PDB file of N, CA and C in Angstrom:
ATOM      1  N   UNK A   1       0.815  -1.197   0.000  1.00  0.00           N
ATOM      2  CA  UNK A   1       0.000   0.000   0.000  1.00  0.00           C
ATOM      3  C   UNK A   1       0.857   1.258   0.000  1.00  0.00           C
ATOM      4  N   UNK A   2       1.969   1.256   0.727  1.00  0.00           N
ATOM      5  CA  UNK A   2       2.711   2.496   0.857  1.00  0.00           C
ATOM      6  C   UNK A   2       3.308   2.956  -0.469  1.00  0.00           C
ATOM      7  N   UNK A   3       3.739   2.020  -1.312  1.00  0.00           N
ATOM      8  CA  UNK A   3       4.232   2.404  -2.643  1.00  0.00           C
ATOM      9  C   UNK A   3       3.088   2.913  -3.507  1.00  0.00           C
ATOM     10  N   UNK A   4       1.889   2.332  -3.326  1.00  0.00           N
ATOM     11  CA  UNK A   4       0.723   2.797  -4.069  1.00  0.00           C
ATOM     12  C   UNK A   4       0.383   4.232  -3.706  1.00  0.00           C
ATOM     13  N   UNK A   5       0.452   4.550  -2.413  1.00  0.00           N
ATOM     14  CA  UNK A   5       0.175   5.915  -1.953  1.00  0.00           C
ATOM     15  C   UNK A   5       1.192   6.862  -2.565  1.00  0.00           C
ATOM     16  N   UNK A   6       2.451   6.484  -2.489  1.00  0.00           N
ATOM     17  CA  UNK A   6       3.508   7.337  -3.042  1.00  0.00           C
ATOM     18  C   UNK A   6       3.315   7.536  -4.549  1.00  0.00           C
ATOM     19  N   UNK A   7       3.038   6.464  -5.264  1.00  0.00           N
ATOM     20  CA  UNK A   7       2.848   6.556  -6.714  1.00  0.00           C
ATOM     21  C   UNK A   7       1.646   7.424  -7.069  1.00  0.00           C
ATOM     22  N   UNK A   8       0.561   7.292  -6.310  1.00  0.00           N
ATOM     23  CA  UNK A   8      -0.631   8.083  -6.622  1.00  0.00           C
ATOM     24  C   UNK A   8      -0.384   9.568  -6.349  1.00  0.00           C
ATOM     25  N   UNK A   9       0.361   9.864  -5.298  1.00  0.00           N
ATOM     26  CA  UNK A   9       0.664  11.265  -4.979  1.00  0.00           C
ATOM     27  C   UNK A   9       1.579  11.857  -6.042  1.00  0.00           C
ATOM     28  N   UNK A  10       2.575  11.089  -6.465  1.00  0.00           N
ATOM     29  CA  UNK A  10       3.468  11.564  -7.524  1.00  0.00           C
ATOM     30  C   UNK A  10       2.667  11.813  -8.800  1.00  0.00           C
ATOM     31  N   UNK A  11       1.718  10.945  -9.088  1.00  0.00           N
ATOM     32  CA  UNK A  11       0.884  11.123 -10.280  1.00  0.00           C
ATOM     33  C   UNK A  11       0.051  12.406 -10.186  1.00  0.00           C
ATOM     34  N   UNK A  12      -0.501  12.675  -9.012  1.00  0.00           N
ATOM     35  CA  UNK A  12      -1.302  13.896  -8.824  1.00  0.00           C
ATOM     36  C   UNK A  12      -0.420  15.129  -8.994  1.00  0.00           C
ATOM     37  N   UNK A  13       0.762  15.104  -8.381  1.00  0.00           N
ATOM     38  CA  UNK A  13       1.676  16.243  -8.475  1.00  0.00           C
ATOM     39  C   UNK A  13       2.123  16.441  -9.923  1.00  0.00           C
ATOM     40  N   UNK A  14       2.451  15.350 -10.588  1.00  0.00           N
ATOM     41  CA  UNK A  14       2.904  15.434 -11.979  1.00  0.00           C
ATOM     42  C   UNK A  14       1.818  16.034 -12.863  1.00  0.00           C
ATOM     43  N   UNK A  15       0.594  15.580 -12.668  1.00  0.00           N
ATOM     44  CA  UNK A  15      -0.519  16.073 -13.468  1.00  0.00           C
ATOM     45  C   UNK A  15      -0.770  17.558 -13.208  1.00  0.00           C
ATOM     46  N   UNK A  16      -0.796  17.941 -11.944  1.00  0.00           N
ATOM     47  CA  UNK A  16      -1.081  19.335 -11.587  1.00  0.00           C
ATOM     48  C   UNK A  16       0.030  20.265 -12.053  1.00  0.00           C
ATOM     49  N   UNK A  17       1.269  19.779 -11.974  1.00  0.00           N
ATOM     50  CA  UNK A  17       2.399  20.613 -12.346  1.00  0.00           C
ATOM     51  C   UNK A  17       2.846  20.433 -13.780  1.00  0.00           C
ATOM     52  N   UNK A  18       2.124  19.580 -14.530  1.00  0.00           N
ATOM     53  CA  UNK A  18       2.467  19.286 -15.912  1.00  0.00           C
ATOM     54  C   UNK A  18       3.927  18.861 -16.030  1.00  0.00           C
ATOM     55  N   UNK A  19       4.279  17.831 -15.235  1.00  0.00           N
ATOM     56  CA  UNK A  19       5.644  17.317 -15.141  1.00  0.00           C
ATOM     57  C   UNK A  19       5.590  15.818 -15.404  1.00  0.00           C
ATOM     58  N   UNK A  20       6.646  15.277 -15.954  1.00  0.00           N
ATOM     59  CA  UNK A  20       6.726  13.833 -16.140  1.00  0.00           C
ATOM     60  C   UNK A  20       6.878  13.163 -14.778  1.00  0.00           C
ATOM     61  N   UNK A  21       6.058  12.151 -14.464  1.00  0.00           N
ATOM     62  CA  UNK A  21       6.155  11.480 -13.161  1.00  0.00           C
ATOM     63  C   UNK A  21       7.550  10.926 -12.867  1.00  0.00           C
ATOM     64  N   UNK A  22       8.266  10.503 -13.891  1.00  0.00           N
ATOM     65  CA  UNK A  22       9.605   9.959 -13.701  1.00  0.00           C
ATOM     66  C   UNK A  22      10.614  10.974 -13.197  1.00  0.00           C
ATOM     67  N   UNK A  23      10.279  12.245 -13.296  1.00  0.00           N
ATOM     68  CA  UNK A  23      11.174  13.307 -12.830  1.00  0.00           C
ATOM     69  C   UNK A  23      10.973  13.620 -11.348  1.00  0.00           C
ATOM     70  N   UNK A  24       9.999  12.963 -10.721  1.00  0.00           N
ATOM     71  CA  UNK A  24       9.641  13.280  -9.339  1.00  0.00           C
ATOM     72  C   UNK A  24      10.009  12.109  -8.434  1.00  0.00           C
ATOM     73  N   UNK A  25      10.705  12.413  -7.324  1.00  0.00           N
ATOM     74  CA  UNK A  25      11.018  11.417  -6.298  1.00  0.00           C
ATOM     75  C   UNK A  25      10.574  11.954  -4.951  1.00  0.00           C
ATOM     76  N   UNK A  26      10.714  11.136  -3.916  1.00  0.00           N
ATOM     77  CA  UNK A  26      10.382  11.587  -2.546  1.00  0.00           C
ATOM     78  C   UNK A  26      11.183  12.830  -2.161  1.00  0.00           C
ATOM     79  N   UNK A  27      12.405  12.918  -2.642  1.00  0.00           N
ATOM     80  CA  UNK A  27      13.288  14.017  -2.244  1.00  0.00           C
ATOM     81  C   UNK A  27      13.108  15.279  -3.078  1.00  0.00           C
ATOM     82  N   UNK A  28      12.265  15.214  -4.078  1.00  0.00           N
ATOM     83  CA  UNK A  28      12.043  16.380  -4.930  1.00  0.00           C
ATOM     84  C   UNK A  28      11.368  17.478  -4.125  1.00  0.00           C
ATOM     85  N   UNK A  29      11.970  18.672  -4.180  1.00  0.00           N
ATOM     86  CA  UNK A  29      11.377  19.813  -3.486  1.00  0.00           C
ATOM     87  C   UNK A  29      10.296  20.428  -4.370  1.00  0.00           C
ATOM     88  N   UNK A  30       9.194  20.806  -3.733  1.00  0.00           N
ATOM     89  CA  UNK A  30       8.083  21.391  -4.479  1.00  0.00           C
ATOM     90  C   UNK A  30       8.529  22.669  -5.190  1.00  0.00           C
ATOM     91  N   UNK A  31       9.411  23.418  -4.572  1.00  0.00           N
ATOM     92  CA  UNK A  31       9.903  24.654  -5.186  1.00  0.00           C
ATOM     93  C   UNK A  31      10.639  24.356  -6.496  1.00  0.00           C
ATOM     94  N   UNK A  32      11.351  23.231  -6.549  1.00  0.00           N
ATOM     95  CA  UNK A  32      12.052  22.833  -7.776  1.00  0.00           C
ATOM     96  C   UNK A  32      11.065  22.602  -8.913  1.00  0.00           C
ATOM     97  N   UNK A  33       9.865  22.152  -8.568  1.00  0.00           N
ATOM     98  CA  UNK A  33       8.853  21.840  -9.569  1.00  0.00           C
ATOM     99  C   UNK A  33       8.046  23.069  -9.966  1.00  0.00           C
ATOM    100  N   UNK A  34       8.410  24.201  -9.372  1.00  0.00           N
ATOM    101  CA  UNK A  34       7.714  25.469  -9.620  1.00  0.00           C
ATOM    102  C   UNK A  34       6.230  25.361  -9.303  1.00  0.00           C
ATOM    103  N   UNK A  35       5.937  24.667  -8.187  1.00  0.00           N
ATOM    104  CA  UNK A  35       4.564  24.540  -7.727  1.00  0.00           C
ATOM    105  C   UNK A  35       4.277  25.704  -6.784  1.00  0.00           C
ATOM    106  N   UNK A  36       3.326  26.522  -7.167  1.00  0.00           N
ATOM    107  CA  UNK A  36       2.971  27.666  -6.332  1.00  0.00           C
ATOM    108  C   UNK A  36       1.831  27.288  -5.387  1.00  0.00           C
ATOM    109  N   UNK A  37       1.419  28.225  -4.573  1.00  0.00           N
ATOM    110  CA  UNK A  37       0.417  27.922  -3.548  1.00  0.00           C
ATOM    111  C   UNK A  37      -0.929  27.523  -4.152  1.00  0.00           C
ATOM    112  N   UNK A  38      -1.293  28.086  -5.288  1.00  0.00           N
ATOM    113  CA  UNK A  38      -2.559  27.727  -5.922  1.00  0.00           C
ATOM    114  C   UNK A  38      -2.525  26.274  -6.402  1.00  0.00           C
ATOM    115  N   UNK A  39      -1.440  25.881  -7.041  1.00  0.00           N
ATOM    116  CA  UNK A  39      -1.304  24.504  -7.509  1.00  0.00           C
ATOM    117  C   UNK A  39      -1.221  23.555  -6.321  1.00  0.00           C
ATOM    118  N   UNK A  40      -0.530  23.960  -5.259  1.00  0.00           N
ATOM    119  CA  UNK A  40      -0.440  23.121  -4.054  1.00  0.00           C
ATOM    120  C   UNK A  40      -1.826  22.886  -3.473  1.00  0.00           C
ATOM    121  N   UNK A  41      -2.662  23.900  -3.470  1.00  0.00           N
ATOM    122  CA  UNK A  41      -4.038  23.754  -2.985  1.00  0.00           C
ATOM    123  C   UNK A  41      -4.796  22.731  -3.830  1.00  0.00           C
ATOM    124  N   UNK A  42      -4.637  22.793  -5.147  1.00  0.00           N
ATOM    125  CA  UNK A  42      -5.289  21.821  -6.027  1.00  0.00           C
ATOM    126  C   UNK A  42      -4.779  20.404  -5.755  1.00  0.00           C
ATOM    127  N   UNK A  43      -3.472  20.287  -5.553  1.00  0.00           N
ATOM    128  CA  UNK A  43      -2.869  18.983  -5.269  1.00  0.00           C
ATOM    129  C   UNK A  43      -3.450  18.411  -3.979  1.00  0.00           C
ATOM    130  N   UNK A  44      -3.509  19.229  -2.946  1.00  0.00           N
ATOM    131  CA  UNK A  44      -4.038  18.776  -1.654  1.00  0.00           C
ATOM    132  C   UNK A  44      -5.488  18.320  -1.808  1.00  0.00           C
ATOM    133  N   UNK A  45      -6.294  19.076  -2.530  1.00  0.00           N
ATOM    134  CA  UNK A  45      -7.697  18.701  -2.724  1.00  0.00           C
ATOM    135  C   UNK A  45      -7.812  17.387  -3.501  1.00  0.00           C
ATOM    136  N   UNK A  46      -6.997  17.220  -4.529  1.00  0.00           N
ATOM    137  CA  UNK A  46      -7.017  15.978  -5.303  1.00  0.00           C
ATOM    138  C   UNK A  46      -6.605  14.786  -4.457  1.00  0.00           C
ATOM    139  N   UNK A  47      -5.593  14.967  -3.619  1.00  0.00           N
ATOM    140  CA  UNK A  47      -5.127  13.879  -2.737  1.00  0.00           C
ATOM    141  C   UNK A  47      -6.215  13.528  -1.730  1.00  0.00           C
ATOM    142  N   UNK A  48      -6.872  14.551  -1.170  1.00  0.00           N
ATOM    143  CA  UNK A  48      -7.964  14.295  -0.226  1.00  0.00           C
ATOM    144  C   UNK A  48      -9.060  13.453  -0.892  1.00  0.00           C
ATOM    145  N   UNK A  49      -9.435  13.825  -2.097  1.00  0.00           N
ATOM    146  CA  UNK A  49     -10.482  13.092  -2.813  1.00  0.00           C
ATOM    147  C   UNK A  49     -10.051  11.661  -3.101  1.00  0.00           C
ATOM    148  N   UNK A  50      -8.838  11.491  -3.568  1.00  0.00           N
ATOM    149  CA  UNK A  50      -8.367  10.173  -3.980  1.00  0.00           C
ATOM    150  C   UNK A  50      -8.228   9.204  -2.805  1.00  0.00           C
ATOM    151  N   UNK A  51      -7.823   9.727  -1.644  1.00  0.00           N
ATOM    152  CA  UNK A  51      -7.567   8.851  -0.501  1.00  0.00           C
ATOM    153  C   UNK A  51      -8.632   8.959   0.590  1.00  0.00           C
ATOM    154  N   UNK A  52      -9.694   9.722   0.323  1.00  0.00           N
ATOM    155  CA  UNK A  52     -10.800   9.886   1.264  1.00  0.00           C
ATOM    156  C   UNK A  52     -10.306  10.294   2.653  1.00  0.00           C
ATOM    157  N   UNK A  53      -9.484  11.338   2.660  1.00  0.00           N
ATOM    158  CA  UNK A  53      -8.953  11.889   3.909  1.00  0.00           C
ATOM    159  C   UNK A  53      -9.173  13.396   3.899  1.00  0.00           C
ATOM    160  N   UNK A  54      -8.936  14.007   5.053  1.00  0.00           N
ATOM    161  CA  UNK A  54      -8.995  15.457   5.135  1.00  0.00           C
ATOM    162  C   UNK A  54      -7.665  15.960   5.668  1.00  0.00           C
ATOM    163  N   UNK A  55      -7.031  16.786   4.876  1.00  0.00           N
ATOM    164  CA  UNK A  55      -5.758  17.379   5.275  1.00  0.00           C
ATOM    165  C   UNK A  55      -6.097  18.720   5.902  1.00  0.00           C
ATOM    166  N   UNK A  56      -5.893  18.817   7.196  1.00  0.00           N
ATOM    167  CA  UNK A  56      -6.328  19.984   7.952  1.00  0.00           C
ATOM    168  C   UNK A  56      -5.237  21.057   7.971  1.00  0.00           C
ATOM    169  N   UNK A  57      -4.964  21.606   6.802  1.00  0.00           N
ATOM    170  CA  UNK A  57      -3.979  22.680   6.690  1.00  0.00           C
ATOM    171  C   UNK A  57      -4.547  23.750   5.778  1.00  0.00           C
ATOM    172  N   UNK A  58      -4.325  24.992   6.143  1.00  0.00           N
ATOM    173  CA  UNK A  58      -4.644  26.018   5.159  1.00  0.00           C
ATOM    174  C   UNK A  58      -3.432  26.142   4.235  1.00  0.00           C
ATOM    175  N   UNK A  59      -3.557  26.899   3.197  1.00  0.00           N
ATOM    176  CA  UNK A  59      -2.485  26.963   2.202  1.00  0.00           C
ATOM    177  C   UNK A  59      -1.176  27.463   2.801  1.00  0.00           C
ATOM    178  N   UNK A  60      -1.231  28.440   3.681  1.00  0.00           N
ATOM    179  CA  UNK A  60      -0.004  28.969   4.289  1.00  0.00           C
ATOM    180  C   UNK A  60       0.691  27.903   5.125  1.00  0.00           C
ATOM    181  N   UNK A  61      -0.087  27.160   5.919  1.00  0.00           N
ATOM    182  CA  UNK A  61       0.499  26.087   6.730  1.00  0.00           C
ATOM    183  C   UNK A  61       1.087  24.996   5.846  1.00  0.00           C
ATOM    184  N   UNK A  62       0.374  24.647   4.791  1.00  0.00           N
ATOM    185  CA  UNK A  62       0.856  23.611   3.878  1.00  0.00           C
ATOM    186  C   UNK A  62       2.154  24.060   3.227  1.00  0.00           C
ATOM    187  N   UNK A  63       2.195  25.296   2.823  1.00  0.00           N
ATOM    188  CA  UNK A  63       3.379  25.826   2.157  1.00  0.00           C
ATOM    189  C   UNK A  63       4.581  25.794   3.095  1.00  0.00           C
ATOM    190  N   UNK A  64       4.354  26.042   4.382  1.00  0.00           N
ATOM    191  CA  UNK A  64       5.443  26.027   5.358  1.00  0.00           C
ATOM    192  C   UNK A  64       5.903  24.615   5.709  1.00  0.00           C
ATOM    193  N   UNK A  65       4.974  23.676   5.812  1.00  0.00           N
ATOM    194  CA  UNK A  65       5.331  22.348   6.319  1.00  0.00           C
ATOM    195  C   UNK A  65       5.605  21.314   5.237  1.00  0.00           C
ATOM    196  N   UNK A  66       5.128  21.550   4.033  1.00  0.00           N
ATOM    197  CA  UNK A  66       5.295  20.572   2.960  1.00  0.00           C
ATOM    198  C   UNK A  66       6.323  21.081   1.963  1.00  0.00           C
ATOM    199  N   UNK A  67       7.562  20.707   2.177  1.00  0.00           N
ATOM    200  CA  UNK A  67       8.652  21.192   1.324  1.00  0.00           C
ATOM    201  C   UNK A  67       8.996  20.212   0.208  1.00  0.00           C
ATOM    202  N   UNK A  68       8.848  18.901   0.488  1.00  0.00           N
ATOM    203  CA  UNK A  68       9.216  17.891  -0.501  1.00  0.00           C
ATOM    204  C   UNK A  68       8.023  16.974  -0.787  1.00  0.00           C
ATOM    205  N   UNK A  69       8.156  16.211  -1.844  1.00  0.00           N
ATOM    206  CA  UNK A  69       7.138  15.219  -2.170  1.00  0.00           C
ATOM    207  C   UNK A  69       7.030  14.219  -1.025  1.00  0.00           C
ATOM    208  N   UNK A  70       8.156  13.845  -0.438  1.00  0.00           N
ATOM    209  CA  UNK A  70       8.161  12.918   0.696  1.00  0.00           C
ATOM    210  C   UNK A  70       7.375  13.444   1.884  1.00  0.00           C
ATOM    211  N   UNK A  71       7.415  14.755   2.111  1.00  0.00           N
ATOM    212  CA  UNK A  71       6.631  15.353   3.204  1.00  0.00           C
ATOM    213  C   UNK A  71       5.136  15.106   2.979  1.00  0.00           C
ATOM    214  N   UNK A  72       4.704  15.256   1.744  1.00  0.00           N
ATOM    215  CA  UNK A  72       3.298  15.028   1.427  1.00  0.00           C
ATOM    216  C   UNK A  72       2.953  13.555   1.591  1.00  0.00           C
ATOM    217  N   UNK A  73       3.805  12.680   1.064  1.00  0.00           N
ATOM    218  CA  UNK A  73       3.571  11.238   1.156  1.00  0.00           C
ATOM    219  C   UNK A  73       3.470  10.809   2.621  1.00  0.00           C
ATOM    220  N   UNK A  74       4.403  11.262   3.450  1.00  0.00           N
ATOM    221  CA  UNK A  74       4.403  10.882   4.866  1.00  0.00           C
ATOM    222  C   UNK A  74       3.144  11.365   5.573  1.00  0.00           C
ATOM    223  N   UNK A  75       2.729  12.597   5.290  1.00  0.00           N
ATOM    224  CA  UNK A  75       1.532  13.133   5.927  1.00  0.00           C
ATOM    225  C   UNK A  75       0.300  12.322   5.519  1.00  0.00           C
ATOM    226  N   UNK A  76       0.187  11.998   4.246  1.00  0.00           N
ATOM    227  CA  UNK A  76      -0.967  11.235   3.767  1.00  0.00           C
ATOM    228  C   UNK A  76      -0.976   9.844   4.388  1.00  0.00           C
ATOM    229  N   UNK A  77       0.173   9.206   4.461  1.00  0.00           N
ATOM    230  CA  UNK A  77       0.253   7.874   5.073  1.00  0.00           C
ATOM    231  C   UNK A  77      -0.201   7.914   6.541  1.00  0.00           C
ATOM    232  N   UNK A  78       0.202   8.966   7.260  1.00  0.00           N
ATOM    233  CA  UNK A  78      -0.203   9.119   8.660  1.00  0.00           C
ATOM    234  C   UNK A  78      -1.718   9.301   8.759  1.00  0.00           C
ATOM    235  N   UNK A  79      -2.292  10.094   7.885  1.00  0.00           N
ATOM    236  CA  UNK A  79      -3.735  10.329   7.913  1.00  0.00           C
ATOM    237  C   UNK A  79      -4.508   9.070   7.568  1.00  0.00           C
ATOM    238  N   UNK A  80      -4.012   8.297   6.620  1.00  0.00           N
ATOM    239  CA  UNK A  80      -4.667   7.050   6.251  1.00  0.00           C
ATOM    240  C   UNK A  80      -4.592   6.058   7.422  1.00  0.00           C
ATOM    241  N   UNK A  81      -3.420   5.978   8.053  1.00  0.00           N
ATOM    242  CA  UNK A  81      -3.255   5.061   9.189  1.00  0.00           C
ATOM    243  C   UNK A  81      -4.143   5.455  10.349  1.00  0.00           C
ATOM    244  N   UNK A  82      -4.283   6.756  10.614  1.00  0.00           N
ATOM    245  CA  UNK A  82      -5.110   7.217  11.720  1.00  0.00           C
ATOM    246  C   UNK A  82      -6.583   6.942  11.469  1.00  0.00           C
ATOM    247  N   UNK A  83      -6.953   6.853  10.206  1.00  0.00           N
ATOM    248  CA  UNK A  83      -8.344   6.642   9.843  1.00  0.00           C
ATOM    249  C   UNK A  83      -8.771   5.176  10.025  1.00  0.00           C
ATOM    250  N   UNK A  84      -7.805   4.254   9.943  1.00  0.00           N
ATOM    251  CA  UNK A  84      -8.145   2.829  10.032  1.00  0.00           C
ATOM    252  C   UNK A  84      -8.114   2.306  11.441  1.00  0.00           C
TER     253      UNK A  84
END
């Protein structure tokens, strides 16, 4: 499951940022991908829908705490685990 979560998040980020999924890893910084706060908001909403979770962050908090793709993956995994 954990690789599936990571792959689905990378796919969402790639789609939103119009980037090839193969160019994105856990260590990729969102700033490197030129993802701005508006796109980050869309990514968060898409991830919430796909994984049936609620990410309780406003855009400013998300921008401060989510620096890499791995940060997003880890947060989503924690939310999924807490839900079960």
